[in-house]
Structures are given as structure tokens and as C-alpha cells.
Amino acid sequence: MMIEFFKTTVSFGSVLAITISWSMNKSLFWAIFHGICGWLYVIYYAIGNSNNDDINQ
């Protein structure tokens, strides 16, 4: 039961990291790299962009 939870969580973190990376960089290399990093990149993105809005004003 716990193993399935961790597999699902890691997979979701990787997909989220790839999605964020692709939307920011439009680079397959960085998307794959950030997908390997998974949740580390998601947390980095959340902390690093907490004061920046992606909305053009």
C-alpha cells in the first residue's frame, strides 16, 4: 500500500516538474532533466517564483 503511494507521488512530481519546465523553457533537455529531479524542481520553482506573476501587466 505505501509503495503504491510513493510510486504515485513520485510520478506526479515528475509530471508536474516536466510540465512547469516545458512551459517556462520550451526545451526538451530541461524538461527531461527537471522530470528526473521531480519534486525538487517543483519546490524550487514555487519558492523562486513566489513573488513573480506570469501574467503580463
PDB file of N, CA and C in Angstrom:
ATOM      1  N   MET A   1       0.817  -1.195   0.000  1.00  0.00           N
ATOM      2  CA  MET A   1       0.000   0.000   0.000  1.00  0.00           C
ATOM      3  C   MET A   1       0.866   1.266   0.000  1.00  0.00           C
ATOM      4  N   MET A   2       1.842   1.335   0.882  1.00  0.00           N
ATOM      5  CA  MET A   2       2.717   2.509   0.948  1.00  0.00           C
ATOM      6  C   MET A   2       3.593   2.621  -0.296  1.00  0.00           C
ATOM      7  N   ILE A   3       3.989   1.481  -0.852  1.00  0.00           N
ATOM      8  CA  ILE A   3       4.830   1.506  -2.050  1.00  0.00           C
ATOM      9  C   ILE A   3       4.068   2.129  -3.210  1.00  0.00           C
ATOM     10  N   GLU A   4       2.806   1.787  -3.360  1.00  0.00           N
ATOM     11  CA  GLU A   4       1.983   2.384  -4.417  1.00  0.00           C
ATOM     12  C   GLU A   4       1.833   3.891  -4.219  1.00  0.00           C
ATOM     13  N   PHE A   5       1.684   4.310  -2.978  1.00  0.00           N
ATOM     14  CA  PHE A   5       1.567   5.746  -2.676  1.00  0.00           C
ATOM     15  C   PHE A   5       2.827   6.488  -3.119  1.00  0.00           C
ATOM     16  N   PHE A   6       3.997   5.939  -2.794  1.00  0.00           N
ATOM     17  CA  PHE A   6       5.245   6.595  -3.169  1.00  0.00           C
ATOM     18  C   PHE A   6       5.464   6.587  -4.678  1.00  0.00           C
ATOM     19  N   LYS A   7       5.100   5.515  -5.341  1.00  0.00           N
ATOM     20  CA  LYS A   7       5.216   5.473  -6.805  1.00  0.00           C
ATOM     21  C   LYS A   7       4.329   6.540  -7.439  1.00  0.00           C
ATOM     22  N   THR A   8       3.101   6.660  -6.939  1.00  0.00           N
ATOM     23  CA  THR A   8       2.168   7.646  -7.479  1.00  0.00           C
ATOM     24  C   THR A   8       2.655   9.057  -7.209  1.00  0.00           C
ATOM     25  N   THR A   9       3.154   9.296  -6.001  1.00  0.00           N
ATOM     26  CA  THR A   9       3.636  10.623  -5.625  1.00  0.00           C
ATOM     27  C   THR A   9       4.849  11.023  -6.445  1.00  0.00           C
ATOM     28  N   VAL A  10       5.790  10.112  -6.617  1.00  0.00           N
ATOM     29  CA  VAL A  10       6.982  10.401  -7.412  1.00  0.00           C
ATOM     30  C   VAL A  10       6.601  10.641  -8.863  1.00  0.00           C
ATOM     31  N   SER A  11       5.712   9.840  -9.397  1.00  0.00           N
ATOM     32  CA  SER A  11       5.271  10.021 -10.781  1.00  0.00           C
ATOM     33  C   SER A  11       4.583  11.360 -10.975  1.00  0.00           C
ATOM     34  N   PHE A  12       3.718  11.735 -10.040  1.00  0.00           N
ATOM     35  CA  PHE A  12       3.028  13.011 -10.141  1.00  0.00           C
ATOM     36  C   PHE A  12       4.022  14.164 -10.063  1.00  0.00           C
ATOM     37  N   GLY A  13       5.007  14.069  -9.179  1.00  0.00           N
ATOM     38  CA  GLY A  13       6.031  15.111  -9.063  1.00  0.00           C
ATOM     39  C   GLY A  13       6.831  15.264 -10.339  1.00  0.00           C
ATOM     40  N   SER A  14       7.147  14.157 -10.978  1.00  0.00           N
ATOM     41  CA  SER A  14       7.903  14.211 -12.232  1.00  0.00           C
ATOM     42  C   SER A  14       7.078  14.842 -13.347  1.00  0.00           C
ATOM     43  N   VAL A  15       5.819  14.457 -13.457  1.00  0.00           N
ATOM     44  CA  VAL A  15       4.953  15.029 -14.497  1.00  0.00           C
ATOM     45  C   VAL A  15       4.755  16.518 -14.258  1.00  0.00           C
ATOM     46  N   LEU A  16       4.561  16.907 -13.017  1.00  0.00           N
ATOM     47  CA  LEU A  16       4.402  18.323 -12.693  1.00  0.00           C
ATOM     48  C   LEU A  16       5.661  19.111 -13.016  1.00  0.00           C
ATOM     49  N   ALA A  17       6.823  18.558 -12.677  1.00  0.00           N
ATOM     50  CA  ALA A  17       8.093  19.219 -12.975  1.00  0.00           C
ATOM     51  C   ALA A  17       8.303  19.368 -14.478  1.00  0.00           C
ATOM     52  N   ILE A  18       7.986  18.331 -15.243  1.00  0.00           N
ATOM     53  CA  ILE A  18       8.133  18.396 -16.700  1.00  0.00           C
ATOM     54  C   ILE A  18       7.207  19.452 -17.282  1.00  0.00           C
ATOM     55  N   THR A  19       5.988  19.511 -16.789  1.00  0.00           N
ATOM     56  CA  THR A  19       5.018  20.492 -17.290  1.00  0.00           C
ATOM     57  C   THR A  19       5.472  21.910 -16.998  1.00  0.00           C
ATOM     58  N   ILE A  20       5.910  22.157 -15.786  1.00  0.00           N
ATOM     59  CA  ILE A  20       6.385  23.501 -15.419  1.00  0.00           C
ATOM     60  C   ILE A  20       7.610  23.862 -16.240  1.00  0.00           C
ATOM     61  N   SER A  21       8.547  22.923 -16.348  1.00  0.00           N
ATOM     62  CA  SER A  21       9.777  23.184 -17.088  1.00  0.00           C
ATOM     63  C   SER A  21       9.488  23.491 -18.548  1.00  0.00           C
ATOM     64  N   TRP A  22       8.606  22.717 -19.177  1.00  0.00           N
ATOM     65  CA  TRP A  22       8.293  22.948 -20.585  1.00  0.00           C
ATOM     66  C   TRP A  22       7.630  24.310 -20.782  1.00  0.00           C
ATOM     67  N   SER A  23       6.728  24.687 -19.868  1.00  0.00           N
ATOM     68  CA  SER A  23       6.036  25.967 -20.017  1.00  0.00           C
ATOM     69  C   SER A  23       6.988  27.140 -19.818  1.00  0.00           C
ATOM     70  N   MET A  24       8.028  26.950 -19.018  1.00  0.00           N
ATOM     71  CA  MET A  24       8.979  28.028 -18.773  1.00  0.00           C
ATOM     72  C   MET A  24      10.101  28.076 -19.813  1.00  0.00           C
ATOM     73  N   ASN A  25      10.624  26.920 -20.217  1.00  0.00           N
ATOM     74  CA  ASN A  25      11.842  26.880 -21.038  1.00  0.00           C
ATOM     75  C   ASN A  25      11.637  26.458 -22.484  1.00  0.00           C
ATOM     76  N   LYS A  26      10.593  25.708 -22.777  1.00  0.00           N
ATOM     77  CA  LYS A  26      10.354  25.157 -24.119  1.00  0.00           C
ATOM     78  C   LYS A  26      11.556  24.364 -24.610  1.00  0.00           C
ATOM     79  N   SER A  27      12.168  23.597 -23.706  1.00  0.00           N
ATOM     80  CA  SER A  27      13.340  22.798 -24.041  1.00  0.00           C
ATOM     81  C   SER A  27      13.130  21.369 -23.581  1.00  0.00           C
ATOM     82  N   LEU A  28      13.300  20.427 -24.510  1.00  0.00           N
ATOM     83  CA  LEU A  28      13.139  19.021 -24.181  1.00  0.00           C
ATOM     84  C   LEU A  28      14.204  18.559 -23.192  1.00  0.00           C
ATOM     85  N   PHE A  29      15.432  19.021 -23.378  1.00  0.00           N
ATOM     86  CA  PHE A  29      16.516  18.651 -22.466  1.00  0.00           C
ATOM     87  C   PHE A  29      16.173  19.044 -21.037  1.00  0.00           C
ATOM     88  N   TRP A  30      15.775  20.319 -20.815  1.00  0.00           N
ATOM     89  CA  TRP A  30      15.468  20.774 -19.461  1.00  0.00           C
ATOM     90  C   TRP A  30      14.227  20.088 -18.914  1.00  0.00           C
ATOM     91  N   ALA A  31      13.268  19.787 -19.751  1.00  0.00           N
ATOM     92  CA  ALA A  31      12.061  19.092 -19.292  1.00  0.00           C
ATOM     93  C   ALA A  31      12.420  17.699 -18.769  1.00  0.00           C
ATOM     94  N   ILE A  32      13.279  16.995 -19.489  1.00  0.00           N
ATOM     95  CA  ILE A  32      13.709  15.666 -19.037  1.00  0.00           C
ATOM     96  C   ILE A  32      14.522  15.780 -17.755  1.00  0.00           C
ATOM     97  N   PHE A  33      15.451  16.710 -17.716  1.00  0.00           N
ATOM     98  CA  PHE A  33      16.282  16.899 -16.526  1.00  0.00           C
ATOM     99  C   PHE A  33      15.428  17.231 -15.304  1.00  0.00           C
ATOM    100  N   HIS A  34      14.496  18.167 -15.467  1.00  0.00           N
ATOM    101  CA  HIS A  34      13.640  18.540 -14.344  1.00  0.00           C
ATOM    102  C   HIS A  34      12.677  17.418 -13.973  1.00  0.00           C
ATOM    103  N   GLY A  35      12.294  16.603 -14.942  1.00  0.00           N
ATOM    104  CA  GLY A  35      11.476  15.435 -14.636  1.00  0.00           C
ATOM    105  C   GLY A  35      12.209  14.438 -13.763  1.00  0.00           C
ATOM    106  N   ILE A  36      13.503  14.294 -13.990  1.00  0.00           N
ATOM    107  CA  ILE A  36      14.322  13.421 -13.148  1.00  0.00           C
ATOM    108  C   ILE A  36      14.427  14.002 -11.735  1.00  0.00           C
ATOM    109  N   CYS A  37      14.559  15.312 -11.640  1.00  0.00           N
ATOM    110  CA  CYS A  37      14.643  15.968 -10.328  1.00  0.00           C
ATOM    111  C   CYS A  37      13.302  15.924  -9.594  1.00  0.00           C
ATOM    112  N   GLY A  38      12.210  15.942 -10.336  1.00  0.00           N
ATOM    113  CA  GLY A  38      10.874  15.786  -9.763  1.00  0.00           C
ATOM    114  C   GLY A  38      10.493  16.879  -8.792  1.00  0.00           C
ATOM    115  N   TRP A  39      10.159  16.468  -7.578  1.00  0.00           N
ATOM    116  CA  TRP A  39       9.650  17.397  -6.572  1.00  0.00           C
ATOM    117  C   TRP A  39      10.666  18.472  -6.199  1.00  0.00           C
ATOM    118  N   LEU A  40      11.963  18.190  -6.330  1.00  0.00           N
ATOM    119  CA  LEU A  40      12.964  19.214  -6.017  1.00  0.00           C
ATOM    120  C   LEU A  40      12.793  20.427  -6.921  1.00  0.00           C
ATOM    121  N   TYR A  41      12.545  20.200  -8.210  1.00  0.00           N
ATOM    122  CA  TYR A  41      12.342  21.309  -9.127  1.00  0.00           C
ATOM    123  C   TYR A  41      11.023  22.022  -8.856  1.00  0.00           C
ATOM    124  N   VAL A  42       9.986  21.266  -8.512  1.00  0.00           N
ATOM    125  CA  VAL A  42       8.682  21.875  -8.210  1.00  0.00           C
ATOM    126  C   VAL A  42       8.811  22.805  -7.014  1.00  0.00           C
ATOM    127  N   ILE A  43       9.498  22.358  -5.973  1.00  0.00           N
ATOM    128  CA  ILE A  43       9.697  23.195  -4.782  1.00  0.00           C
ATOM    129  C   ILE A  43      10.558  24.405  -5.118  1.00  0.00           C
ATOM    130  N   TYR A  44      11.626  24.200  -5.891  1.00  0.00           N
ATOM    131  CA  TYR A  44      12.484  25.313  -6.322  1.00  0.00           C
ATOM    132  C   TYR A  44      11.671  26.354  -7.100  1.00  0.00           C
ATOM    133  N   TYR A  45      10.831  25.883  -8.007  1.00  0.00           N
ATOM    134  CA  TYR A  45      10.006  26.788  -8.802  1.00  0.00           C
ATOM    135  C   TYR A  45       9.032  27.560  -7.916  1.00  0.00           C
ATOM    136  N   ALA A  46       8.425  26.878  -6.964  1.00  0.00           N
ATOM    137  CA  ALA A  46       7.451  27.525  -6.083  1.00  0.00           C
ATOM    138  C   ALA A  46       8.108  28.596  -5.214  1.00  0.00           C
ATOM    139  N   ILE A  47       9.286  28.310  -4.703  1.00  0.00           N
ATOM    140  CA  ILE A  47       9.990  29.291  -3.862  1.00  0.00           C
ATOM    141  C   ILE A  47      10.556  30.416  -4.713  1.00  0.00           C
ATOM    142  N   GLY A  48      11.141  30.074  -5.830  1.00  0.00           N
ATOM    143  CA  GLY A  48      11.799  31.064  -6.683  1.00  0.00           C
ATOM    144  C   GLY A  48      10.830  32.001  -7.378  1.00  0.00           C
ATOM    145  N   ASN A  49       9.601  31.574  -7.616  1.00  0.00           N
ATOM    146  CA  ASN A  49       8.626  32.392  -8.328  1.00  0.00           C
ATOM    147  C   ASN A  49       7.494  32.857  -7.449  1.00  0.00           C
ATOM    148  N   SER A  50       7.679  32.850  -6.132  1.00  0.00           N
ATOM    149  CA  SER A  50       6.594  33.242  -5.239  1.00  0.00           C
ATOM    150  C   SER A  50       6.249  34.726  -5.371  1.00  0.00           C
ATOM    151  N   ASN A  51       7.217  35.546  -5.773  1.00  0.00           N
ATOM    152  CA  ASN A  51       6.971  36.978  -5.914  1.00  0.00           C
ATOM    153  C   ASN A  51       6.733  37.409  -7.347  1.00  0.00           C
ATOM    154  N   ASN A  52       6.866  36.480  -8.289  1.00  0.00           N
ATOM    155  CA  ASN A  52       6.710  36.810  -9.706  1.00  0.00           C
ATOM    156  C   ASN A  52       5.403  36.248 -10.247  1.00  0.00           C
ATOM    157  N   ASP A  53       4.659  37.088 -10.912  1.00  0.00           N
ATOM    158  CA  ASP A  53       3.440  36.624 -11.573  1.00  0.00           C
ATOM    159  C   ASP A  53       3.755  36.415 -13.043  1.00  0.00           C
ATOM    160  N   ASP A  54       3.185  35.358 -13.617  1.00  0.00           N
ATOM    161  CA  ASP A  54       3.379  35.106 -15.040  1.00  0.00           C
ATOM    162  C   ASP A  54       2.426  35.911 -15.906  1.00  0.00           C
ATOM    163  N   ILE A  55       1.583  36.703 -15.277  1.00  0.00           N
ATOM    164  CA  ILE A  55       0.610  37.499 -16.011  1.00  0.00           C
ATOM    165  C   ILE A  55       1.259  38.798 -16.456  1.00  0.00           C
ATOM    166  N   ASN A  56       1.221  39.049 -17.750  1.00  0.00           N
ATOM    167  CA  ASN A  56       1.786  40.293 -18.282  1.00  0.00           C
ATOM    168  C   ASN A  56       0.827  41.438 -17.962  1.00  0.00           C
ATOM    169  N   GLN A  57       1.373  42.451 -17.363  1.00  0.00           N
ATOM    170  CA  GLN A  57       0.531  43.595 -16.997  1.00  0.00           C
ATOM    171  C   GLN A  57       0.778  44.752 -17.927  1.00  0.00           C
TER     172      GLN A  57
END
